[in-house]
Structure formats: structure tokens, C-alpha cells
Amino acid sequence: METTIKLREEYIKLGQAIKAAGCVDSGVEAKLVIQNELVLVNGKIETQRGKKLVAGDLVEFDGNIIKIEA
């Protein structure tokens, strides 16, 4: 599944993005999947829930792709 998130501000945090895309049901679940190294940002494993995503970033998790757009 591919989802696009349009930024309302300068950035969105990784945990918020995967929750907003419907990939997880809660912030706690987002924290766990990120800590367990299951989330890629621009092709690299990301373990920081607060990682700031900006336009052009690509997030991958559990077969889902999330594009960040301005």
C-alpha cells in the first residue's frame, strides 16, 4: 500500500507519520516497531521515533510505503 502525507508544517515526526498513514493504531505501537528496527527511512533502518521527516522522504514499513510531500 502506498500513502502520501502532505506536510502542514515544516516536518512530521516518524512516529506521527506511520500512525497518520494507518500503519499502526497507536503511538505506543509506533514506538515499538521503530525501536525493533522494522521501519526504513530513505532505505535505511531508523530507530528514532522523533526523526523529523521532510518533503521528499520515503518511509517503508511492513510492505507499506509512505511518501512525504510539501
Protein backbone atom coordinates (compact mmCIF):
# COMPACT_ATOMS: atom_id res chain seq x y z
CA MET A 1 0.00 0.00 0.00
CA GLU A 2 1.26 3.47 -0.84
CA THR A 3 0.23 6.54 1.14
CA THR A 4 1.11 10.20 0.70
CA ILE A 5 1.27 12.55 3.66
CA LYS A 6 1.10 16.26 2.91
CA LEU A 7 3.02 18.36 5.39
CA ARG A 8 1.09 21.04 7.26
CA GLU A 9 4.28 22.29 8.86
CA GLU A 10 7.99 22.12 8.06
CA TYR A 11 8.23 18.45 9.10
CA ILE A 12 6.40 15.50 10.65
CA LYS A 13 7.93 13.10 13.15
CA LEU A 14 8.37 9.48 12.11
CA GLY A 15 6.07 8.06 14.80
CA GLN A 16 3.34 10.50 13.83
CA ALA A 17 3.75 9.69 10.14
CA ILE A 18 3.32 5.93 10.43
CA LYS A 19 0.34 6.46 12.72
CA ALA A 20 -1.23 9.03 10.36
CA ALA A 21 -0.78 6.64 7.43
CA GLY A 22 -2.73 3.97 9.32
CA CYS A 23 0.21 1.56 9.55
CA VAL A 24 -0.15 1.33 13.35
CA ASP A 25 -3.05 2.03 15.72
CA SER A 26 -1.26 3.94 18.46
CA GLY A 27 1.81 5.93 19.37
CA VAL A 28 2.93 3.07 21.60
CA GLU A 29 2.77 0.63 18.69
CA ALA A 30 4.67 3.12 16.52
CA LYS A 31 7.38 3.36 19.19
CA LEU A 32 7.73 -0.43 19.35
CA VAL A 33 8.01 -1.05 15.61
CA ILE A 34 10.56 1.76 15.27
CA GLN A 35 12.64 0.51 18.24
CA ASN A 36 12.55 -3.02 16.80
CA GLU A 37 14.21 -1.72 13.61
CA LEU A 38 11.22 -2.51 11.39
CA VAL A 39 10.99 0.94 9.78
CA LEU A 40 13.15 2.27 6.94
CA VAL A 41 13.55 5.96 6.10
CA ASN A 42 15.07 6.58 2.68
CA GLY A 43 16.23 2.95 2.57
CA LYS A 44 17.97 2.91 5.98
CA ILE A 45 16.79 1.50 9.30
CA GLU A 46 15.61 4.30 11.58
CA THR A 47 15.28 3.83 15.35
CA GLN A 48 14.39 7.40 16.38
CA ARG A 49 10.66 7.88 16.80
CA GLY A 50 11.18 11.65 16.74
CA LYS A 51 13.12 11.62 13.45
CA LYS A 52 11.97 14.69 11.51
CA LEU A 53 10.66 13.82 8.06
CA VAL A 54 10.60 16.49 5.38
CA ALA A 55 9.26 16.68 1.84
CA GLY A 56 10.87 14.02 -0.34
CA ASP A 57 11.42 11.48 2.44
CA LEU A 58 10.22 7.91 1.88
CA VAL A 59 9.20 5.62 4.75
CA GLU A 60 8.81 1.84 4.42
CA PHE A 61 7.14 -0.41 6.97
CA ASP A 62 5.50 -3.83 6.67
CA GLY A 63 5.02 -3.56 2.90
CA ASN A 64 3.67 -0.02 3.14
CA ILE A 65 5.32 2.98 1.53
CA ILE A 66 4.70 6.47 2.88
CA LYS A 67 5.72 9.45 0.77
CA ILE A 68 6.19 12.81 2.47
CA GLU A 69 5.18 15.80 0.34
CA ALA A 70 5.09 19.55 0.89
